[in-house]
Amino acid sequence: MLAMVMQKQGQPLALKDLPQPVAGDGQLLIRVLACGICRTDLHVVDGDLTEPRLPLVPGHQIIGIVEAMGDNAGNFSIGQRVGIPWLGGSCGHCEFCASARENLCDEAVYTGYQINGGFAEYTVADGRYCFPVPDGFSALQAAPLLCAGLIGYRSWRPVADARRIGFYGFGAAAHILIQLARYHRQEVYAFTRPGDQAAQDFALELGARWAGNSGDNPPELLDGAIIFAPDGDCVLQALRAVKKGAKVVCAGIHMSDIPPIPYSDLWGERSIQSIANLTRADGEEFLPLAAKIPIKTEVHAYPLDQANAALEDLRNGRFTGAAVLSIAAGTVQPS
């Protein structure tokens, strides 16, 4: 099979011809149809996340077809369409796993980080961490739901009761979450990198009440905020934009250092919460809800061998919505 492989962090991915993997005990062999690209992939490739298992096939928003099943692979069938998320496995016996908080397991492993992911024609995955994909979504449209959607949903739940909610950074996750927020009759205020008029216009098109730069003051104080941007300065900006008693949620897996916080900005029972990964319950709740709303993802498709171009476009904010690799076995030839 063909795959885009990271041999060393900080270097471009290389198109390689690799042996097709085999489904072991508890695993599914998946023929990959599409794999979303998100900022976490950038953090892996750029070296912000420092524990990849090299050489590595990145990618953790995978939609594909079950081609083969190992023993004990769960309630799936050959030919079924499934999704593979960031969380690829956990120990199953620690206090976190025992309380349905496997997202906090110290022995957890992650797709496209310690486990080969979806920048490839085929991959294998633990069946316990895969999800059926609802009908109504194409593979390209469904792919961003597996991370931007799932971890976004987990980030939204702490501020689900907020009437006015701020989104700092308006990329793949925010363009999904604004649809969830509006479904729940929340007002969304979008904050983008300074001068990013395209992102601000996109937010307004999707129903944001207001859109501006990350350092701007919203027209009225907010009841909560989610920070998708990997910029620690946004924490201070959000604390100053929310009411007393509000929560600021940090949704990213990596963020630059948060500057010193004046106690006056935190005072008034404001709080800061980080979100770590996802649980299987998040997927079981969110994916059917996404089909019910229904959420519509804006995607920009790239062929497998253009993964480096897609990552660079994401890094430079050259599109709105989400980037997705469109993968069909046998359509790309190794260079």
Protein backbone atom coordinates (compact mmCIF):
# COMPACT_ATOMS: atom_id res chain seq x y z
CA MET A 1 0.00 0.00 0.00
CA LEU A 2 1.00 3.65 -0.35
CA ALA A 3 1.36 5.89 2.69
CA MET A 4 2.71 9.30 3.60
CA VAL A 5 5.37 8.61 6.22
CA MET A 6 7.03 10.86 8.80
CA GLN A 7 10.60 9.67 9.26
CA LYS A 8 11.74 12.58 11.41
CA GLN A 9 9.85 15.44 13.02
CA GLY A 10 10.32 18.78 11.34
CA GLN A 11 10.72 17.25 7.89
CA PRO A 12 8.17 16.79 5.07
CA LEU A 13 6.30 13.50 4.85
CA ALA A 14 7.52 11.02 2.23
CA LEU A 15 5.33 8.90 -0.04
CA LYS A 16 6.30 5.27 0.60
CA ASP A 17 5.24 1.84 -0.59
CA LEU A 18 4.65 -0.19 2.59
CA PRO A 19 3.37 -3.71 3.31
CA GLN A 20 -0.38 -3.74 3.81
CA PRO A 21 -1.09 -4.28 7.53
CA VAL A 22 -2.90 -7.36 8.84
CA ALA A 23 -5.69 -7.27 11.40
CA GLY A 24 -4.59 -8.92 14.64
CA ASP A 25 -6.67 -9.99 17.62
CA GLY A 26 -9.28 -7.32 18.37
CA GLN A 27 -8.40 -5.30 15.27
CA LEU A 28 -10.12 -4.16 12.10
CA LEU A 29 -8.35 -3.81 8.76
CA ILE A 30 -9.69 -0.62 7.21
CA ARG A 31 -9.49 0.47 3.58
CA VAL A 32 -9.17 4.22 4.01
CA LEU A 33 -11.57 6.42 2.06
CA ALA A 34 -10.73 9.77 3.64
CA CYS A 35 -8.63 11.18 6.45
CA GLY A 36 -9.07 14.65 7.87
CA ILE A 37 -6.10 16.87 8.65
CA CYS A 38 -6.14 18.94 11.82
CA ARG A 39 -3.84 21.12 13.84
CA THR A 40 -2.80 18.15 15.98
CA ASP A 41 -1.24 16.64 12.86
CA LEU A 42 0.80 19.83 12.53
CA HIS A 43 1.89 19.54 16.16
CA VAL A 44 3.02 15.95 15.51
CA VAL A 45 4.86 16.76 12.29
CA ASP A 46 6.44 19.96 13.62
CA GLY A 47 7.64 18.37 16.86
CA ASP A 48 5.39 20.21 19.34
CA LEU A 49 4.22 16.76 20.48
CA THR A 50 7.42 14.98 21.29
CA GLU A 51 6.60 11.26 21.64
CA PRO A 52 5.75 9.89 18.18
CA ARG A 53 6.57 6.30 17.33
CA LEU A 54 8.81 6.65 14.26
CA PRO A 55 8.62 5.99 11.40
CA LEU A 56 4.99 7.04 11.55
CA VAL A 57 1.97 7.31 9.29
CA PRO A 58 0.07 10.35 10.66
CA GLY A 59 -3.66 11.01 10.49
CA HIS A 60 -6.41 10.42 13.04
CA GLN A 61 -9.72 11.47 11.46
CA ILE A 62 -10.23 8.34 9.43
CA ILE A 63 -13.25 7.11 7.50
CA GLY A 64 -12.97 3.74 5.82
CA ILE A 65 -14.45 0.35 5.01
CA VAL A 66 -13.88 -2.80 7.06
CA GLU A 67 -11.92 -5.19 4.83
CA ALA A 68 -11.01 -7.85 7.40
CA MET A 69 -11.49 -8.55 11.11
CA GLY A 70 -9.35 -10.23 13.70
CA ASP A 71 -10.87 -12.31 16.47
CA ASN A 72 -12.74 -10.34 19.16
CA ALA A 73 -12.89 -7.20 17.00
CA GLY A 74 -16.35 -6.18 18.15
CA ASN A 75 -19.78 -5.86 16.57
CA PHE A 76 -18.70 -4.86 13.08
CA SER A 77 -19.07 -6.51 9.70
CA ILE A 78 -17.08 -6.73 6.47
CA GLY A 79 -18.00 -3.84 4.20
CA GLN A 80 -19.22 -1.62 7.03
CA ARG A 81 -18.18 2.04 7.05
CA VAL A 82 -16.42 3.06 10.27
CA GLY A 83 -14.56 5.99 11.78
CA ILE A 84 -11.25 5.90 13.65
CA PRO A 85 -10.52 8.76 16.10
CA TRP A 86 -7.46 10.16 17.91
CA LEU A 87 -7.77 7.85 20.94
CA GLY A 88 -6.56 4.49 19.72
CA GLY A 89 -6.32 2.48 22.93
CA SER A 90 -5.99 2.59 26.71
CA CYS A 91 -4.93 0.22 29.48
CA GLY A 92 -8.46 -0.70 30.56
CA HIS A 93 -7.66 -1.16 34.25
CA CYS A 94 -6.47 2.14 35.76
CA GLU A 95 -8.73 4.40 37.84
CA PHE A 96 -9.47 6.54 34.78
CA CYS A 97 -10.39 3.64 32.51
CA ALA A 98 -12.51 2.11 35.30
CA SER A 99 -14.54 5.34 35.53
CA ALA A 100 -15.11 5.86 31.77
CA ARG A 101 -12.35 8.50 31.65
CA GLU A 102 -10.00 6.59 29.36
CA ASN A 103 -9.06 9.92 27.81
CA LEU A 104 -6.87 10.48 30.91
CA CYS A 105 -5.20 7.04 30.93
CA ASP A 106 -1.42 7.30 31.37
CA GLU A 107 -0.91 4.32 29.05
CA ALA A 108 -3.22 5.52 26.28
CA VAL A 109 -1.98 5.40 22.69
CA TYR A 110 -3.09 7.69 19.88
CA THR A 111 -3.85 7.19 16.22
CA GLY A 112 -1.33 8.90 13.96
CA TYR A 113 1.03 9.42 16.92
CA GLN A 114 1.93 6.07 18.53
CA ILE A 115 -0.21 4.04 16.09
CA ASN A 116 0.00 4.33 12.32
CA GLY A 117 -2.89 6.44 11.10
CA GLY A 118 -4.88 7.30 8.02
CA PHE A 119 -2.47 9.04 5.64
CA ALA A 120 -2.42 5.68 3.87
CA GLU A 121 -4.49 3.38 1.70
CA TYR A 122 -5.02 0.92 4.56
CA THR A 123 -4.71 0.94 8.32
CA VAL A 124 -5.58 -1.25 11.29
CA ALA A 125 -7.35 -0.15 14.46
CA ASP A 126 -8.58 -1.57 17.75
CA GLY A 127 -12.27 -2.29 17.20
CA ARG A 128 -13.14 -1.06 20.69
CA TYR A 129 -12.13 2.47 19.68
CA CYS A 130 -13.89 2.61 16.31
CA PHE A 131 -17.34 4.02 15.63
CA PRO A 132 -20.03 3.26 13.06
CA VAL A 133 -20.49 6.29 10.79
CA PRO A 134 -24.10 7.50 10.41
CA ASP A 135 -25.67 7.58 6.98
CA GLY A 136 -26.07 10.98 5.37
CA PHE A 137 -22.40 11.95 5.38
CA SER A 138 -20.00 11.36 2.54
CA ALA A 139 -16.59 10.05 3.61
CA LEU A 140 -15.05 13.49 3.00
CA GLN A 141 -17.72 15.27 5.04
CA ALA A 142 -17.60 12.73 7.87
CA ALA A 143 -13.82 12.75 8.38
CA PRO A 144 -13.60 16.06 10.33
CA LEU A 145 -16.23 14.80 12.76
CA LEU A 146 -13.72 12.27 14.13
CA CYS A 147 -11.54 14.91 15.86
CA ALA A 148 -12.61 18.46 15.12
CA GLY A 149 -16.13 17.29 15.88
CA LEU A 150 -15.55 14.84 18.72
CA ILE A 151 -13.02 16.82 20.74
CA GLY A 152 -14.92 19.97 19.89
CA TYR A 153 -18.05 18.37 21.34
CA ARG A 154 -16.19 17.46 24.52
CA SER A 155 -14.96 21.07 24.73
CA TRP A 156 -18.48 22.42 24.26
CA ARG A 157 -20.14 20.42 27.00
CA PRO A 158 -18.66 22.46 29.92
CA VAL A 159 -20.23 25.60 28.39
CA ALA A 160 -23.38 23.96 27.06
CA ASP A 161 -25.53 26.18 29.30
CA ALA A 162 -23.88 29.43 28.18
CA ARG A 163 -26.22 31.80 26.39
CA ARG A 164 -23.39 33.75 24.76
CA ILE A 165 -20.28 31.76 23.89
CA GLY A 166 -16.98 32.90 22.41
CA PHE A 167 -14.89 30.82 20.01
CA TYR A 168 -11.21 31.83 19.85
CA GLY A 169 -9.92 30.51 16.53
CA PHE A 170 -12.41 29.71 13.79
CA GLY A 171 -11.14 26.66 11.97
CA ALA A 172 -12.33 23.08 11.50
CA ALA A 173 -13.60 22.52 15.05
CA ALA A 174 -15.31 25.90 15.41
CA HIS A 175 -17.13 25.61 12.08
CA ILE A 176 -18.63 22.34 13.33
CA LEU A 177 -19.33 23.57 16.86
CA ILE A 178 -21.11 26.73 15.77
CA GLN A 179 -23.72 24.49 14.17
CA LEU A 180 -24.10 22.56 17.42
CA ALA A 181 -24.32 25.80 19.43
CA ARG A 182 -26.93 27.33 17.15
CA TYR A 183 -28.95 24.09 17.33
CA HIS A 184 -29.02 24.71 21.09
CA ARG A 185 -29.97 28.38 20.57
CA GLN A 186 -26.64 29.80 21.77
CA GLU A 187 -25.22 33.05 20.44
CA VAL A 188 -21.69 32.61 19.07
CA TYR A 189 -19.02 35.33 19.05
CA ALA A 190 -16.07 34.43 16.82
CA PHE A 191 -12.50 35.64 17.43
CA THR A 192 -9.88 35.06 14.73
CA ARG A 193 -6.24 35.85 14.16
CA PRO A 194 -5.94 39.61 13.53
CA GLY A 195 -7.01 40.61 10.06
CA ASP A 196 -8.34 37.20 9.02
CA GLN A 197 -11.37 38.61 7.24
CA ALA A 198 -12.09 35.34 5.43
CA ALA A 199 -12.49 33.46 8.73
CA GLN A 200 -14.62 36.26 10.19
CA ASP A 201 -16.87 36.30 7.13
CA PHE A 202 -17.12 32.50 7.29
CA ALA A 203 -18.20 32.68 10.94
CA LEU A 204 -20.86 35.25 10.13
CA GLU A 205 -22.12 33.13 7.22
CA LEU A 206 -22.55 30.22 9.64
CA GLY A 207 -24.61 32.33 12.01
CA ALA A 208 -22.15 33.99 14.42
CA ARG A 209 -23.69 37.00 16.17
CA TRP A 210 -20.38 38.89 15.93
CA ALA A 211 -16.87 38.29 14.56
CA GLY A 212 -13.63 40.15 15.25
CA ASN A 213 -9.94 39.87 16.06
CA SER A 214 -8.70 37.79 18.98
CA GLY A 215 -7.70 40.86 20.99
CA ASP A 216 -10.99 42.70 20.45
CA ASN A 217 -13.62 43.20 23.12
CA PRO A 218 -16.97 41.63 22.20
CA PRO A 219 -19.97 43.95 22.20
CA GLU A 220 -21.18 42.36 25.44
CA LEU A 221 -19.69 40.07 28.08
CA LEU A 222 -19.87 36.34 27.35
CA ASP A 223 -21.14 33.46 29.46
CA GLY A 224 -18.33 31.15 28.39
CA ALA A 225 -15.55 30.67 25.84
CA ILE A 226 -13.72 27.89 24.03
CA ILE A 227 -10.15 28.42 22.84
CA PHE A 228 -9.28 26.44 19.72
CA ALA A 229 -6.25 28.57 18.77
CA PRO A 230 -2.88 27.27 20.12
CA ASP A 231 -2.03 30.73 21.50
CA GLY A 232 -1.74 31.12 25.27
CA ASP A 233 -2.48 34.85 24.99
CA CYS A 234 -6.06 33.91 24.11
CA VAL A 235 -6.60 32.68 27.67
CA LEU A 236 -6.08 36.20 29.02
CA GLN A 237 -8.20 37.67 26.24
CA ALA A 238 -11.03 35.26 26.95
CA LEU A 239 -10.96 35.83 30.71
CA ARG A 240 -11.43 39.54 30.07
CA ALA A 241 -14.31 38.86 27.67
CA VAL A 242 -16.41 36.65 29.96
CA LYS A 243 -18.70 37.41 32.88
CA LYS A 244 -18.08 36.50 36.49
CA GLY A 245 -18.78 32.81 37.06
CA ALA A 246 -17.95 31.92 33.44
CA LYS A 247 -15.69 29.12 32.24
CA VAL A 248 -12.89 29.37 29.68
CA VAL A 249 -12.23 26.00 28.02
CA CYS A 250 -8.87 25.24 26.38
CA ALA A 251 -9.62 22.73 23.63
CA GLY A 252 -6.21 22.14 22.04
CA ILE A 253 -3.73 19.39 22.81
CA HIS A 254 -0.88 21.93 22.58
CA MET A 255 -0.77 25.63 23.39
CA SER A 256 1.98 28.19 23.79
CA ASP A 257 2.65 29.24 27.37
CA ILE A 258 -0.09 31.23 29.07
CA PRO A 259 1.20 34.62 30.22
CA PRO A 260 0.92 35.53 33.92
CA ILE A 261 -2.74 36.01 34.79
CA PRO A 262 -3.66 39.05 36.89
CA TYR A 263 -5.80 37.77 39.71
CA SER A 264 -8.34 40.47 38.94
CA ASP A 265 -8.96 38.80 35.55
CA LEU A 266 -9.58 35.40 37.16
CA TRP A 267 -11.46 36.67 40.20
CA GLY A 268 -15.24 36.48 40.33
CA GLU A 269 -15.32 32.68 40.14
CA ARG A 270 -14.13 32.62 36.55
CA SER A 271 -12.41 29.30 35.81
CA ILE A 272 -10.13 27.71 33.21
CA GLN A 273 -10.49 24.08 32.11
CA SER A 274 -8.42 22.04 29.67
CA ILE A 275 -9.82 19.27 27.50
CA ALA A 276 -7.77 16.11 27.02
CA ASN A 277 -8.53 13.81 24.11
CA LEU A 278 -11.93 12.10 23.96
CA THR A 279 -13.79 9.15 25.40
CA ARG A 280 -15.72 6.51 23.54
CA ALA A 281 -18.90 7.89 25.10
CA ASP A 282 -18.21 11.20 23.33
CA GLY A 283 -18.34 9.44 19.97
CA GLU A 284 -21.44 7.45 20.87
CA GLU A 285 -23.22 10.69 21.80
CA PHE A 286 -21.91 13.10 19.18
CA LEU A 287 -22.02 11.20 15.90
CA PRO A 288 -25.77 10.46 16.02
CA LEU A 289 -26.36 14.07 17.13
CA ALA A 290 -24.29 15.37 14.21
CA ALA A 291 -26.56 13.39 11.85
CA LYS A 292 -29.69 14.67 13.59
CA ILE A 293 -28.81 18.40 13.42
CA PRO A 294 -27.49 17.75 10.65
CA ILE A 295 -23.99 19.21 10.75
CA LYS A 296 -22.57 20.18 7.37
CA THR A 297 -18.79 20.29 7.10
CA GLU A 298 -16.96 22.48 4.61
CA VAL A 299 -14.07 20.41 3.31
CA HIS A 300 -11.15 20.99 0.97
CA ALA A 301 -9.98 17.74 -0.59
CA TYR A 302 -6.38 16.83 -1.40
CA PRO A 303 -5.04 13.56 -2.87
CA LEU A 304 -2.88 11.40 -0.62
CA ASP A 305 0.41 12.50 -2.19
CA GLN A 306 -0.45 16.16 -1.51
CA ALA A 307 -0.56 15.76 2.28
CA ASN A 308 2.42 18.11 2.72
CA ALA A 309 0.64 20.82 0.72
CA ALA A 310 -2.49 20.37 2.84
CA LEU A 311 -0.48 20.70 6.06
CA GLU A 312 1.20 23.84 4.76
CA ASP A 313 -2.13 25.35 3.73
CA LEU A 314 -3.50 24.62 7.21
CA ARG A 315 -0.43 26.16 8.84
CA ASN A 316 -0.92 29.36 6.87
CA GLY A 317 -4.69 29.58 7.17
CA ARG A 318 -5.29 29.31 3.42
CA PHE A 319 -8.79 27.83 3.66
CA THR A 320 -11.89 27.91 5.81
CA GLY A 321 -13.42 24.73 7.20
CA ALA A 322 -11.37 21.53 7.13
CA ALA A 323 -8.74 19.84 4.94
CA VAL A 324 -9.33 16.18 4.08
CA LEU A 325 -7.22 13.67 2.18
CA SER A 326 -9.33 11.82 -0.38
CA ILE A 327 -7.83 8.34 -0.62
CA ALA A 328 -8.63 5.58 -3.10
CA ALA A 329 -6.30 2.59 -3.24
CA GLY A 330 -4.38 2.32 -6.49
CA THR A 331 -4.89 5.89 -7.73
CA VAL A 332 -1.49 7.27 -6.66
CA GLN A 333 1.88 5.98 -7.76
CA PRO A 334 5.06 6.28 -5.65
CA SER A 335 7.65 8.71 -6.96
